[in-house]
C-alpha atoms as a PDB file:
ATOM      1  CA  UNK A   1      -0.174   0.502  -0.042  1.00  0.00           C
ATOM      2  CA  UNK A   2       1.053   3.256  -0.453  1.00  0.00           C
ATOM      3  CA  UNK A   3       0.153   6.822   0.295  1.00  0.00           C
ATOM      4  CA  UNK A   4      -0.045   9.176  -2.694  1.00  0.00           C
ATOM      5  CA  UNK A   5       0.457  13.225  -0.991  1.00  0.00           C
ATOM      6  CA  UNK A   6      -2.625  14.589  -1.647  1.00  0.00           C
ATOM      7  CA  UNK A   7      -1.563  18.228  -3.147  1.00  0.00           C
ATOM      8  CA  UNK A   8       1.887  18.448  -5.839  1.00  0.00           C
ATOM      9  CA  UNK A   9       3.724  20.707  -3.065  1.00  0.00           C
ATOM     10  CA  UNK A  10       6.588  19.264  -1.391  1.00  0.00           C
ATOM     11  CA  UNK A  11       5.975  18.944   2.554  1.00  0.00           C
ATOM     12  CA  UNK A  12       9.964  20.782   3.013  1.00  0.00           C
ATOM     13  CA  UNK A  13       9.287  23.939   1.239  1.00  0.00           C
ATOM     14  CA  UNK A  14       6.815  26.663   1.907  1.00  0.00           C
ATOM     15  CA  UNK A  15       5.126  27.700  -1.284  1.00  0.00           C
ATOM     16  CA  UNK A  16       4.403  31.164  -0.165  1.00  0.00           C
ATOM     17  CA  UNK A  17       7.663  32.807  -1.726  1.00  0.00           C
ATOM     18  CA  UNK A  18       9.194  34.360   2.613  1.00  0.00           C
ATOM     19  CA  UNK A  19       9.651  37.668   2.157  1.00  0.00           C
ATOM     20  CA  UNK A  20      12.943  38.661   3.262  1.00  0.00           C
ATOM     21  CA  UNK A  21      14.015  40.879   7.196  1.00  0.00           C
ATOM     22  CA  UNK A  22      14.042  43.670   6.583  1.00  0.00           C
ATOM     23  CA  UNK A  23      16.286  46.048   9.597  1.00  0.00           C
ATOM     24  CA  UNK A  24      14.981  47.363  11.859  1.00  0.00           C
ATOM     25  CA  UNK A  25      15.307  51.000  13.624  1.00  0.00           C
ATOM     26  CA  UNK A  26      17.582  51.746  16.859  1.00  0.00           C
ATOM     27  CA  UNK A  27      15.171  54.340  17.804  1.00  0.00           C
ATOM     28  CA  UNK A  28      17.113  55.282  20.633  1.00  0.00           C
ATOM     29  CA  UNK A  29      15.584  53.841  23.436  1.00  0.00           C
ATOM     30  CA  UNK A  30      17.456  51.309  26.101  1.00  0.00           C
ATOM     31  CA  UNK A  31      16.136  48.529  27.684  1.00  0.00           C
ATOM     32  CA  UNK A  32      15.309  49.074  31.163  1.00  0.00           C
ATOM     33  CA  UNK A  33      14.625  46.360  34.594  1.00  0.00           C
ATOM     34  CA  UNK A  34      13.914  47.583  37.988  1.00  0.00           C
ATOM     35  CA  UNK A  35      14.256  45.334  41.049  1.00  0.00           C
ATOM     36  CA  UNK A  36      10.431  46.364  43.478  1.00  0.00           C
ATOM     37  CA  UNK A  37      12.051  45.805  47.410  1.00  0.00           C
ATOM     38  CA  UNK A  38      10.357  43.168  47.696  1.00  0.00           C
ATOM     39  CA  UNK A  39      12.385  41.502  45.259  1.00  0.00           C
ATOM     40  CA  UNK A  40      15.576  42.480  46.569  1.00  0.00           C
ATOM     41  CA  UNK A  41      14.469  42.041  50.019  1.00  0.00           C
ATOM     42  CA  UNK A  42      13.723  38.396  49.433  1.00  0.00           C
ATOM     43  CA  UNK A  43      17.038  38.298  47.616  1.00  0.00           C
ATOM     44  CA  UNK A  44      18.968  39.285  50.502  1.00  0.00           C
ATOM     45  CA  UNK A  45      16.651  36.734  52.730  1.00  0.00           C
ATOM     46  CA  UNK A  46      17.716  33.746  50.286  1.00  0.00           C
ATOM     47  CA  UNK A  47      21.165  34.912  49.949  1.00  0.00           C
ATOM     48  CA  UNK A  48      21.152  34.996  53.938  1.00  0.00           C
ATOM     49  CA  UNK A  49      20.147  31.795  54.073  1.00  0.00           C
ATOM     50  CA  UNK A  50      22.288  29.875  51.748  1.00  0.00           C
ATOM     51  CA  UNK A  51      24.742  31.960  54.070  1.00  0.00           C
ATOM     52  CA  UNK A  52      23.642  30.378  56.891  1.00  0.00           C
ATOM     53  CA  UNK A  53      23.614  26.593  55.202  1.00  0.00           C
ATOM     54  CA  UNK A  54      27.306  27.162  54.284  1.00  0.00           C
ATOM     55  CA  UNK A  55      28.496  27.618  57.849  1.00  0.00           C
ATOM     56  CA  UNK A  56      29.393  25.002  60.360  1.00  0.00           C
ATOM     57  CA  UNK A  57      26.948  23.270  62.723  1.00  0.00           C
ATOM     58  CA  UNK A  58      29.852  23.541  65.711  1.00  0.00           C
ATOM     59  CA  UNK A  59      32.394  25.910  65.862  1.00  0.00           C
ATOM     60  CA  UNK A  60      35.126  24.492  67.661  1.00  0.00           C
ATOM     61  CA  UNK A  61      37.093  28.194  68.617  1.00  0.00           C
ATOM     62  CA  UNK A  62      33.381  28.137  71.036  1.00  0.00           C
ATOM     63  CA  UNK A  63      33.654  24.999  71.459  1.00  0.00           C
ATOM     64  CA  UNK A  64      37.935  24.942  72.709  1.00  0.00           C
ATOM     65  CA  UNK A  65      37.221  28.103  74.566  1.00  0.00           C
ATOM     66  CA  UNK A  66      34.571  26.431  77.116  1.00  0.00           C
ATOM     67  CA  UNK A  67      36.529  23.676  77.567  1.00  0.00           C
ATOM     68  CA  UNK A  68      39.857  25.761  78.520  1.00  0.00           C
ATOM     69  CA  UNK A  69      37.695  27.934  81.168  1.00  0.00           C
ATOM     70  CA  UNK A  70      35.940  24.477  82.531  1.00  0.00           C
ATOM     71  CA  UNK A  71      39.450  23.189  83.655  1.00  0.00           C
ATOM     72  CA  UNK A  72      40.480  26.213  85.509  1.00  0.00           C
ATOM     73  CA  UNK A  73      39.731  25.894  88.637  1.00  0.00           C
ATOM     74  CA  UNK A  74      38.358  29.262  89.357  1.00  0.00           C
ATOM     75  CA  UNK A  75      36.005  28.777  86.517  1.00  0.00           C
ATOM     76  CA  UNK A  76      33.717  26.650  88.577  1.00  0.00           C
ATOM     77  CA  UNK A  77      32.129  28.217  91.395  1.00  0.00           C
ATOM     78  CA  UNK A  78      28.981  28.074  92.580  1.00  0.00           C
ATOM     79  CA  UNK A  79      27.440  31.436  90.309  1.00  0.00           C
ATOM     80  CA  UNK A  80      28.323  29.760  87.361  1.00  0.00           C
ATOM     81  CA  UNK A  81      26.462  26.519  88.133  1.00  0.00           C
ATOM     82  CA  UNK A  82      23.589  28.513  90.021  1.00  0.00           C
ATOM     83  CA  UNK A  83      23.264  29.671  86.904  1.00  0.00           C
ATOM     84  CA  UNK A  84      23.770  26.516  84.306  1.00  0.00           C
ATOM     85  CA  UNK A  85      21.406  25.286  85.877  1.00  0.00           C
ATOM     86  CA  UNK A  86      18.983  27.805  85.172  1.00  0.00           C
ATOM     87  CA  UNK A  87      19.728  28.134  82.127  1.00  0.00           C
ATOM     88  CA  UNK A  88      19.053  24.398  81.833  1.00  0.00           C
ATOM     89  CA  UNK A  89      15.607  24.520  83.902  1.00  0.00           C
ATOM     90  CA  UNK A  90      14.075  27.664  80.708  1.00  0.00           C
ATOM     91  CA  UNK A  91      14.940  25.296  77.928  1.00  0.00           C
ATOM     92  CA  UNK A  92      13.510  22.397  79.556  1.00  0.00           C
ATOM     93  CA  UNK A  93      10.619  24.135  80.643  1.00  0.00           C
ATOM     94  CA  UNK A  94      10.342  26.997  78.910  1.00  0.00           C
ATOM     95  CA  UNK A  95      10.680  30.072  82.057  1.00  0.00           C
ATOM     96  CA  UNK A  96      11.834  32.907  80.416  1.00  0.00           C
END
Protein backbone atom coordinates (compact mmCIF):
# COMPACT_ATOMS: atom_id res chain seq x y z
CA UNK A 1 0.00 0.00 0.00
CA UNK A 2 1.31 3.43 -0.88
CA UNK A 3 0.13 6.79 0.23
CA UNK A 4 0.27 9.50 -2.36
CA UNK A 5 0.54 13.17 -1.56
CA UNK A 6 -2.72 15.00 -1.64
CA UNK A 7 -1.28 18.03 -3.34
CA UNK A 8 1.69 18.35 -5.55
CA UNK A 9 3.45 20.47 -2.95
CA UNK A 10 6.71 19.50 -1.38
CA UNK A 11 6.13 19.39 2.40
CA UNK A 12 9.63 20.69 2.99
CA UNK A 13 9.07 23.88 1.04
CA UNK A 14 6.75 26.71 1.84
CA UNK A 15 4.54 27.35 -1.18
CA UNK A 16 4.70 31.10 -0.53
CA UNK A 17 7.92 32.92 -1.14
CA UNK A 18 9.35 34.35 2.04
CA UNK A 19 10.13 38.02 2.17
CA UNK A 20 13.58 38.86 3.53
CA UNK A 21 13.50 40.62 6.86
CA UNK A 22 14.22 44.29 6.88
CA UNK A 23 16.64 45.86 9.33
CA UNK A 24 15.11 47.32 12.43
CA UNK A 25 15.58 50.95 13.22
CA UNK A 26 17.13 52.10 16.46
CA UNK A 27 15.11 54.77 18.14
CA UNK A 28 17.72 55.68 20.74
CA UNK A 29 15.83 53.86 23.47
CA UNK A 30 17.49 51.28 25.64
CA UNK A 31 16.03 48.43 27.61
CA UNK A 32 15.94 48.70 31.38
CA UNK A 33 14.61 46.83 34.35
CA UNK A 34 13.73 47.78 37.87
CA UNK A 35 13.69 45.50 40.88
CA UNK A 36 11.00 45.98 43.48
CA UNK A 37 11.96 46.40 47.12
CA UNK A 38 10.10 43.18 47.91
CA UNK A 39 12.19 41.24 45.38
CA UNK A 40 15.36 42.86 46.68
CA UNK A 41 14.52 41.90 50.27
CA UNK A 42 13.75 38.33 49.22
CA UNK A 43 17.07 38.12 47.39
CA UNK A 44 18.88 39.36 50.51
CA UNK A 45 17.03 36.82 52.64
CA UNK A 46 17.86 34.03 50.21
CA UNK A 47 21.54 35.01 50.29
CA UNK A 48 21.54 35.06 54.12
CA UNK A 49 19.94 31.61 54.22
CA UNK A 50 22.54 30.22 51.83
CA UNK A 51 25.35 31.66 53.99
CA UNK A 52 23.79 30.15 57.11
CA UNK A 53 23.48 26.76 55.40
CA UNK A 54 27.16 26.87 54.46
CA UNK A 55 28.27 27.68 58.02
CA UNK A 56 29.42 24.78 60.18
CA UNK A 57 27.02 23.52 62.85
CA UNK A 58 29.71 23.42 65.54
CA UNK A 59 31.92 26.42 66.22
CA UNK A 60 35.20 24.80 67.17
CA UNK A 61 36.62 28.04 68.59
CA UNK A 62 33.75 28.36 71.09
CA UNK A 63 34.02 24.69 72.08
CA UNK A 64 37.77 25.06 72.68
CA UNK A 65 37.19 28.24 74.72
CA UNK A 66 34.60 26.50 76.90
CA UNK A 67 36.82 23.46 77.43
CA UNK A 68 39.63 25.75 78.58
CA UNK A 69 37.30 27.53 81.02
CA UNK A 70 36.08 24.23 82.45
CA UNK A 71 39.66 23.11 83.09
CA UNK A 72 40.31 26.25 85.16
CA UNK A 73 39.37 25.48 88.79
CA UNK A 74 38.68 29.14 89.60
CA UNK A 75 36.02 29.33 86.86
CA UNK A 76 33.80 26.67 88.38
CA UNK A 77 32.17 28.33 91.39
CA UNK A 78 28.70 28.34 92.88
CA UNK A 79 27.56 31.37 90.88
CA UNK A 80 28.51 29.77 87.55
CA UNK A 81 26.91 26.45 88.51
CA UNK A 82 23.71 28.17 89.65
CA UNK A 83 23.48 30.26 86.47
CA UNK A 84 24.12 27.19 84.32
CA UNK A 85 21.45 25.20 86.15
CA UNK A 86 18.97 28.06 85.74
CA UNK A 87 19.62 28.25 82.02
CA UNK A 88 19.19 24.51 81.61
CA UNK A 89 15.88 24.63 83.46
CA UNK A 90 14.74 27.56 81.31
CA UNK A 91 15.56 25.63 78.15
CA UNK A 92 13.82 22.49 79.33
CA UNK A 93 10.69 24.05 80.78
CA UNK A 94 10.44 27.29 78.83
CA UNK A 95 10.69 29.68 81.77
CA UNK A 96 11.89 33.11 80.79
